[in-house]
Amino acid sequence: MEGLAPPVPASSKAIITLTTDFGTDDAYVAAMKGVILEINPEATIVDISHSIDPQNISQGAFVFSTAYSCFPQDTVHLVVVDPGVGSPRRAIILETKNAIFVAPDNGVLSYVIQASVKKRISRPTLMKLPPELRAFEITNPKFWRQPVSSTFHGRDIFAPVAAHITLGKPLNELGRPIASVNVIALPRPHTNAAGNLVGHILHIDHFGNLITDITGEALPSGAYSIEVAGHKIGSLSQSYDQAQELAALIGGSGRLEIALKSGDAARLLGSKVGDELRITSRQAGRSRG
């Protein structure tokens, strides 16, 4: 029938990635994997992260965004950071030209959507999707694990749906098409009144490195200094080992990072997610602003 989603090609060797805030101390992640493997025993399951802070949608969205594009075509990405579990929030499938995403409709896929819409997401909103993206609300309990727990949709709804997708189940059989999904505001750098570029700390990684929303392409031309938590860094380093103490460099995500050689920059600076940093261009040896 015209307008219905075609089946995803079945693949017994399909890849499913997992990103959650479940941690690894409990059996929650293992339970999800068991459900997936019961439906598709040949699926390859890859953990992206289970160390997202509990209920931290923004962190989950960012951490997941740094990895999903590294996977092969048609990978199914399962993202469960779901403070609204058991509430009327929707469970959705998002299909792009390269991958399929299964997640709660709470903005955790905002970076994926922004990469396609090429526009700034400056506030939480219900965003209409462009034609190249398709979304479905997961509504068909035939493909869920029964009985469904009101507190564990990761195991009972998201995991089985992801597994059925890898076996070629048409997306429109799993749920109904929807035209809009929820997105969260994504921090972006701005230029202040003095002409300085002001960015924000998006994430602090396991090493204490501060990962910012400033990309390498956004850095000013010419000489500049970087000020963060009262410390100034005069130039970019090419590696973590190059600087004597604090280092600024473009990390693997393509974003500006602040690191401490053989140490923890976040602890040294007392920095936290959301804090600002400033980049000041220098002209004739003098700083503007």
Protein backbone atom coordinates (compact mmCIF):
# COMPACT_ATOMS: atom_id res chain seq x y z
CA MET A 1 0.00 0.00 0.00
CA GLU A 2 1.35 3.42 -0.95
CA GLY A 3 2.68 5.43 1.96
CA LEU A 4 3.57 2.46 4.17
CA ALA A 5 7.15 1.94 5.24
CA PRO A 6 8.88 -0.89 3.37
CA PRO A 7 10.42 -3.64 5.46
CA VAL A 8 13.93 -3.17 6.72
CA PRO A 9 16.12 -5.81 5.05
CA ALA A 10 16.33 -8.80 7.38
CA SER A 11 19.80 -9.54 8.69
CA SER A 12 20.61 -12.32 11.14
CA LYS A 13 23.99 -10.60 11.59
CA ALA A 14 22.44 -7.22 12.38
CA ILE A 15 24.02 -4.81 14.85
CA ILE A 16 22.09 -3.32 17.74
CA THR A 17 23.78 -0.69 19.91
CA LEU A 18 22.73 0.08 23.48
CA THR A 19 22.97 3.41 25.30
CA THR A 20 21.33 3.64 28.72
CA ASP A 21 21.56 5.21 32.17
CA PHE A 22 21.21 1.78 33.80
CA GLY A 23 24.82 1.35 34.91
CA THR A 24 26.42 -2.09 35.14
CA ASP A 25 25.90 -2.92 38.81
CA ASP A 26 22.41 -4.32 38.23
CA ALA A 27 20.96 -6.81 35.77
CA TYR A 28 18.95 -4.32 33.69
CA VAL A 29 21.30 -4.25 30.70
CA ALA A 30 21.69 -8.03 30.71
CA ALA A 31 17.91 -8.43 30.72
CA MET A 32 17.59 -6.24 27.61
CA LYS A 33 20.29 -8.23 25.85
CA GLY A 34 18.57 -11.48 26.75
CA VAL A 35 15.30 -10.29 25.23
CA ILE A 36 17.06 -9.23 22.03
CA LEU A 37 18.93 -12.53 21.69
CA GLU A 38 15.79 -14.57 22.34
CA ILE A 39 14.22 -12.93 19.27
CA ASN A 40 17.37 -12.74 17.11
CA PRO A 41 20.07 -15.07 18.48
CA GLU A 42 22.51 -13.97 15.78
CA ALA A 43 22.33 -10.25 16.52
CA THR A 44 25.54 -8.46 17.45
CA ILE A 45 24.97 -6.20 20.46
CA VAL A 46 27.40 -3.33 21.06
CA ASP A 47 27.41 -1.23 24.22
CA ILE A 48 27.95 2.48 23.60
CA SER A 49 27.51 3.54 27.23
CA HIS A 50 25.57 2.57 30.32
CA SER A 51 27.18 5.29 32.47
CA ILE A 52 24.84 8.14 31.58
CA ASP A 53 23.85 9.97 34.77
CA PRO A 54 20.40 8.77 35.87
CA GLN A 55 17.61 10.50 33.91
CA ASN A 56 20.09 12.87 32.21
CA ILE A 57 18.58 13.18 28.73
CA SER A 58 21.02 15.89 27.58
CA GLN A 59 24.07 13.84 28.52
CA GLY A 60 22.64 10.71 26.93
CA ALA A 61 21.87 12.60 23.73
CA PHE A 62 25.40 13.99 23.49
CA VAL A 63 27.35 10.86 24.42
CA PHE A 64 25.31 8.78 21.99
CA SER A 65 25.82 11.39 19.24
CA THR A 66 29.60 10.98 19.37
CA ALA A 67 29.44 7.29 18.43
CA TYR A 68 26.42 6.34 16.34
CA SER A 69 27.83 7.58 13.01
CA CYS A 70 30.78 5.17 13.34
CA PHE A 71 28.56 2.12 12.80
CA PRO A 72 27.70 0.35 9.53
CA GLN A 73 24.66 1.14 7.40
CA ASP A 74 21.33 -0.08 8.83
CA THR A 75 22.56 -0.46 12.40
CA VAL A 76 19.69 -0.30 14.91
CA HIS A 77 20.48 2.07 17.78
CA LEU A 78 18.58 1.54 21.01
CA VAL A 79 18.74 4.51 23.41
CA VAL A 80 17.01 4.27 26.79
CA VAL A 81 17.38 7.31 29.03
CA ASP A 82 13.78 7.50 30.10
CA PRO A 83 12.72 9.49 33.17
CA GLY A 84 9.15 9.43 31.81
CA VAL A 85 8.82 5.64 31.73
CA GLY A 86 5.26 4.65 32.62
CA SER A 87 3.91 8.10 31.74
CA PRO A 88 2.04 9.03 28.52
CA ARG A 89 5.34 9.84 26.76
CA ARG A 90 5.61 8.07 23.40
CA ALA A 91 8.01 5.32 22.43
CA ILE A 92 9.28 5.90 18.90
CA ILE A 93 11.25 4.58 15.97
CA LEU A 94 13.21 7.14 13.92
CA GLU A 95 14.49 6.14 10.49
CA THR A 96 17.24 8.03 8.65
CA LYS A 97 18.96 7.10 5.40
CA ASN A 98 21.76 5.40 7.35
CA ALA A 99 20.27 3.91 10.50
CA ILE A 100 17.23 3.22 12.66
CA PHE A 101 16.81 4.54 16.20
CA VAL A 102 14.53 3.19 18.92
CA ALA A 103 14.01 5.45 21.93
CA PRO A 104 11.57 7.31 24.13
CA ASP A 105 10.23 10.50 22.55
CA ASN A 106 11.89 12.81 25.06
CA GLY A 107 14.60 14.54 23.03
CA VAL A 108 17.34 11.95 23.48
CA LEU A 109 17.64 11.78 19.65
CA SER A 110 17.98 15.57 19.26
CA TYR A 111 21.55 15.51 17.90
CA VAL A 112 20.51 12.89 15.32
CA ILE A 113 17.64 15.09 14.21
CA GLN A 114 19.73 18.26 14.17
CA ALA A 115 22.25 16.58 11.87
CA SER A 116 19.46 16.07 9.35
CA VAL A 117 17.47 19.28 9.67
CA LYS A 118 20.63 21.49 9.60
CA LYS A 119 19.01 24.08 11.82
CA ARG A 120 19.59 25.24 15.34
CA ILE A 121 17.45 23.62 17.99
CA SER A 122 17.34 26.45 20.50
CA ARG A 123 14.42 25.38 22.70
CA PRO A 124 12.48 22.27 23.62
CA THR A 125 9.75 21.75 21.05
CA LEU A 126 7.70 19.27 19.09
CA MET A 127 9.56 19.46 15.76
CA LYS A 128 8.08 18.57 12.40
CA LEU A 129 10.40 16.17 10.63
CA PRO A 130 11.80 16.81 7.15
CA PRO A 131 10.91 14.36 4.36
CA GLU A 132 14.21 12.50 4.66
CA LEU A 133 13.33 11.37 8.20
CA ARG A 134 10.48 9.07 9.10
CA ALA A 135 9.14 8.32 12.55
CA PHE A 136 6.68 5.86 14.04
CA GLU A 137 5.07 5.70 17.44
CA ILE A 138 5.49 2.19 18.82
CA THR A 139 1.92 1.04 19.40
CA ASN A 140 1.59 -2.65 18.52
CA PRO A 141 1.79 -4.81 21.68
CA LYS A 142 2.08 -7.93 19.52
CA PHE A 143 5.81 -7.22 19.35
CA TRP A 144 6.34 -6.45 23.04
CA ARG A 145 7.40 -8.73 25.85
CA GLN A 146 4.42 -9.57 28.03
CA PRO A 147 3.47 -8.61 30.63
CA VAL A 148 4.82 -5.08 30.23
CA SER A 149 6.32 -3.56 33.35
CA SER A 150 5.38 0.08 33.91
CA THR A 151 8.97 0.76 35.00
CA PHE A 152 11.05 -1.29 32.54
CA HIS A 153 10.07 -0.44 28.97
CA GLY A 154 13.71 -0.92 27.96
CA ARG A 155 13.29 -4.66 28.44
CA ASP A 156 9.62 -5.06 27.55
CA ILE A 157 9.08 -2.64 24.63
CA PHE A 158 12.28 -1.09 23.25
CA ALA A 159 14.48 -4.22 23.22
CA PRO A 160 11.98 -6.55 21.51
CA VAL A 161 11.04 -3.88 18.96
CA ALA A 162 14.71 -3.34 18.08
CA ALA A 163 15.18 -7.08 17.67
CA HIS A 164 12.14 -7.43 15.42
CA ILE A 165 13.45 -4.59 13.24
CA THR A 166 16.66 -6.56 12.63
CA LEU A 167 14.57 -9.47 11.39
CA GLY A 168 12.93 -7.32 8.73
CA LYS A 169 9.63 -6.49 10.38
CA PRO A 170 8.02 -3.53 8.54
CA LEU A 171 8.14 -0.43 10.68
CA ASN A 172 4.50 0.39 10.04
CA GLU A 173 3.55 -2.94 11.64
CA LEU A 174 5.38 -1.95 14.81
CA GLY A 175 3.59 1.38 15.12
CA ARG A 176 1.82 4.26 13.45
CA PRO A 177 3.56 6.99 11.39
CA ILE A 178 4.03 10.34 13.14
CA ALA A 179 5.10 13.66 11.62
CA SER A 180 6.78 15.30 14.62
CA VAL A 181 9.00 14.30 17.53
CA ASN A 182 10.21 16.04 20.67
CA VAL A 183 13.62 17.71 20.76
CA ILE A 184 15.55 19.42 23.54
CA ALA A 185 17.52 22.66 23.36
CA LEU A 186 21.10 22.00 22.25
CA PRO A 187 23.78 24.41 23.55
CA ARG A 188 25.63 26.36 20.88
CA PRO A 189 28.41 28.94 21.11
CA HIS A 190 27.61 32.62 20.59
CA THR A 191 29.50 35.87 20.15
CA ASN A 192 29.18 38.32 23.05
CA ALA A 193 29.05 42.12 22.92
CA ALA A 194 32.84 42.35 23.08
CA GLY A 195 33.18 40.12 20.00
CA ASN A 196 34.44 37.09 21.94
CA LEU A 197 33.26 33.56 21.19
CA VAL A 198 31.51 32.09 24.22
CA GLY A 199 31.06 28.34 24.41
CA HIS A 200 29.76 25.82 26.92
CA ILE A 201 30.94 22.59 28.49
CA LEU A 202 28.74 19.82 27.08
CA HIS A 203 30.32 16.81 28.74
CA ILE A 204 33.07 15.77 31.14
CA ASP A 205 34.52 12.46 30.11
CA HIS A 206 36.01 9.64 32.17
CA PHE A 207 39.43 11.34 32.12
CA GLY A 208 38.13 14.69 33.37
CA ASN A 209 38.45 16.33 29.95
CA LEU A 210 36.01 19.16 29.29
CA ILE A 211 34.27 18.68 25.93
CA THR A 212 32.68 21.85 24.59
CA ASP A 213 30.16 22.91 21.97
CA ILE A 214 32.84 24.76 19.97
CA THR A 215 33.89 22.89 16.83
CA GLY A 216 37.26 23.27 15.18
CA GLU A 217 35.62 25.10 12.28
CA ALA A 218 34.15 27.70 14.67
CA LEU A 219 37.50 28.78 16.09
CA PRO A 220 38.57 32.29 15.04
CA SER A 221 41.36 32.78 12.53
CA GLY A 222 44.60 34.30 13.74
CA ALA A 223 45.86 34.34 17.32
CA TYR A 224 43.52 33.89 20.25
CA SER A 225 43.45 32.80 23.87
CA ILE A 226 41.03 30.51 25.65
CA GLU A 227 39.79 31.39 29.13
CA VAL A 228 38.06 28.80 31.29
CA ALA A 229 37.41 29.02 35.05
CA GLY A 230 39.88 31.88 35.41
CA HIS A 231 42.70 30.09 33.55
CA LYS A 232 44.04 31.18 30.16
CA ILE A 233 45.42 28.90 27.48
CA GLY A 234 47.33 30.65 24.72
CA SER A 235 47.30 28.12 21.91
CA LEU A 236 45.97 24.79 20.70
CA SER A 237 47.90 21.59 21.34
CA GLN A 238 47.98 18.70 18.90
CA SER A 239 47.83 16.01 21.61
CA TYR A 240 47.11 15.60 25.29
CA ASP A 241 50.81 15.13 25.98
CA GLN A 242 52.03 18.27 24.21
CA ALA A 243 51.18 20.87 26.87
CA GLN A 244 52.91 21.20 30.21
CA GLU A 245 49.69 21.55 32.20
CA LEU A 246 46.29 22.63 30.85
CA ALA A 247 45.82 21.94 27.17
CA ALA A 248 43.24 23.01 24.61
CA LEU A 249 42.86 20.74 21.60
CA ILE A 250 40.38 19.44 19.06
CA GLY A 251 39.35 16.00 20.26
CA GLY A 252 38.00 12.98 18.48
CA SER A 253 34.49 14.44 18.40
CA GLY A 254 35.75 17.43 16.38
CA ARG A 255 35.06 19.74 19.32
CA LEU A 256 37.32 21.86 21.48
CA GLU A 257 38.43 20.06 24.63
CA ILE A 258 40.22 21.30 27.74
CA ALA A 259 42.50 18.67 29.28
CA LEU A 260 45.14 18.42 31.99
CA LYS A 261 48.30 16.51 31.22
CA SER A 262 48.32 13.36 33.35
CA GLY A 263 45.44 14.75 35.39
CA ASP A 264 41.77 15.68 35.69
CA ALA A 265 40.96 19.11 34.23
CA ALA A 266 37.43 19.17 35.63
CA ARG A 267 38.69 18.58 39.16
CA LEU A 268 41.46 21.17 38.85
CA LEU A 269 39.13 23.84 37.49
CA GLY A 270 36.03 22.93 39.49
CA SER A 271 34.15 22.89 36.20
CA LYS A 272 30.76 21.34 35.54
CA VAL A 273 28.52 20.76 32.53
CA GLY A 274 26.95 24.02 31.38
CA ASP A 275 29.84 26.25 32.48
CA GLU A 276 31.06 28.80 29.93
CA LEU A 277 34.47 29.38 28.38
CA ARG A 278 35.58 32.34 26.30
CA ILE A 279 37.80 32.62 23.25
CA THR A 280 39.36 36.06 22.76
CA SER A 281 41.07 37.04 19.52
CA ARG A 282 44.36 38.87 19.86
CA GLN A 283 45.32 41.75 17.59
CA ALA A 284 48.76 43.35 17.70
CA GLY A 285 49.50 41.48 20.89
CA ARG A 286 46.47 42.78 22.72
CA SER A 287 43.26 41.04 23.72
CA ARG A 288 39.89 42.37 22.73
CA GLY A 289 37.22 42.80 25.37
